[in-house]
C-alpha cells in the first residue's frame, strides 16, 4: 500500500518516474494499478485510490479467513 502512495505522490515531481527508484516502483505498482485505469475523470486518474480500496478489502478478507482457520484449528 505504501508503494502505491509513494508512486502516486511521485507524479507531483518532474522526472521522478525516470529515476532508478521511480522505475523500480513502476515495475511493482503499474501492473496492479493498470487494472483500475477505468477510474479516471478527464486527466485525473483515481486508479491509485481504487487500488488502495481493493487492497484494504483483500487484506481484511485474508485476515478474516486467517482468524477463522485459527479458531477452527484450536477450537476457540
Protein backbone atom coordinates (compact mmCIF):
# COMPACT_ATOMS: atom_id res chain seq x y z
CA UNK A 1 0.00 0.00 0.00
CA UNK A 2 2.85 2.32 0.81
CA UNK A 3 4.40 1.72 -2.62
CA UNK A 4 1.16 2.84 -4.31
CA UNK A 5 1.02 6.02 -2.22
CA UNK A 6 4.67 6.88 -2.91
CA UNK A 7 4.24 6.14 -6.62
CA UNK A 8 1.18 8.40 -6.79
CA UNK A 9 2.99 11.22 -4.97
CA UNK A 10 5.91 10.95 -7.40
CA UNK A 11 3.64 12.37 -10.10
CA UNK A 12 3.99 15.77 -8.41
CA UNK A 13 7.73 15.90 -9.11
CA UNK A 14 9.15 16.31 -12.63
CA UNK A 15 11.13 13.34 -13.94
CA UNK A 16 10.59 11.36 -10.72
CA UNK A 17 9.43 8.34 -12.72
CA UNK A 18 12.68 8.42 -14.71
CA UNK A 19 14.88 7.81 -11.68
CA UNK A 20 16.04 4.32 -10.72
CA UNK A 21 13.69 4.35 -7.74
CA UNK A 22 10.79 5.51 -9.91
CA UNK A 23 11.38 2.75 -12.45
CA UNK A 24 11.62 0.19 -9.64
CA UNK A 25 8.31 1.32 -8.12
CA UNK A 26 6.77 1.41 -11.58
CA UNK A 27 7.57 -2.27 -12.13
CA UNK A 28 5.88 -3.09 -8.84
CA UNK A 29 2.86 -0.76 -8.89
CA UNK A 30 1.88 -0.28 -12.55
CA UNK A 31 0.72 -3.85 -13.33
CA UNK A 32 -1.73 -3.78 -10.43
CA UNK A 33 -2.76 -0.18 -10.97
CA UNK A 34 -3.44 -0.82 -14.68
CA UNK A 35 -6.40 -2.96 -13.63
CA UNK A 36 -8.12 0.20 -12.41
CA UNK A 37 -7.42 2.59 -15.28
CA UNK A 38 -11.17 2.88 -15.85
CA UNK A 39 -11.34 5.10 -12.76
CA UNK A 40 -10.48 8.44 -14.31
CA UNK A 41 -12.29 11.70 -14.89
CA UNK A 42 -10.69 13.79 -17.58
CA UNK A 43 -6.97 13.82 -16.94
CA UNK A 44 -7.31 12.89 -13.25
CA UNK A 45 -6.82 9.21 -12.51
CA UNK A 46 -8.34 7.67 -9.42
CA UNK A 47 -6.65 4.33 -10.08
CA UNK A 48 -4.36 4.62 -7.01
CA UNK A 49 -7.35 5.32 -4.76
CA UNK A 50 -9.32 2.38 -6.16
CA UNK A 51 -6.24 0.15 -5.87
CA UNK A 52 -5.83 1.10 -2.20
CA UNK A 53 -9.50 0.40 -1.50
CA UNK A 54 -9.26 -3.01 -3.18
CA UNK A 55 -6.10 -3.85 -1.24
CA UNK A 56 -7.82 -2.85 2.00
CA UNK A 57 -10.72 -5.21 1.28
CA UNK A 58 -8.35 -8.02 0.29
CA UNK A 59 -6.31 -7.52 3.44
CA UNK A 60 -9.46 -7.60 5.58
CA UNK A 61 -10.65 -10.76 3.84
CA UNK A 62 -7.35 -12.54 4.32
CA UNK A 63 -7.29 -11.51 7.97
CA UNK A 64 -10.83 -12.82 8.46
CA UNK A 65 -10.04 -16.16 6.82
CA UNK A 66 -6.89 -16.43 8.95
CA UNK A 67 -8.90 -15.87 12.13
CA UNK A 68 -11.42 -18.49 11.04
CA UNK A 69 -8.66 -21.02 10.38
CA UNK A 70 -7.04 -20.36 13.75
CA UNK A 71 -10.38 -20.73 15.54
CA UNK A 72 -11.06 -23.95 13.66
CA UNK A 73 -7.57 -25.36 14.36
CA UNK A 74 -7.54 -24.55 18.08
CA UNK A 75 -11.27 -24.96 18.77
CA UNK A 76 -11.88 -21.48 20.16
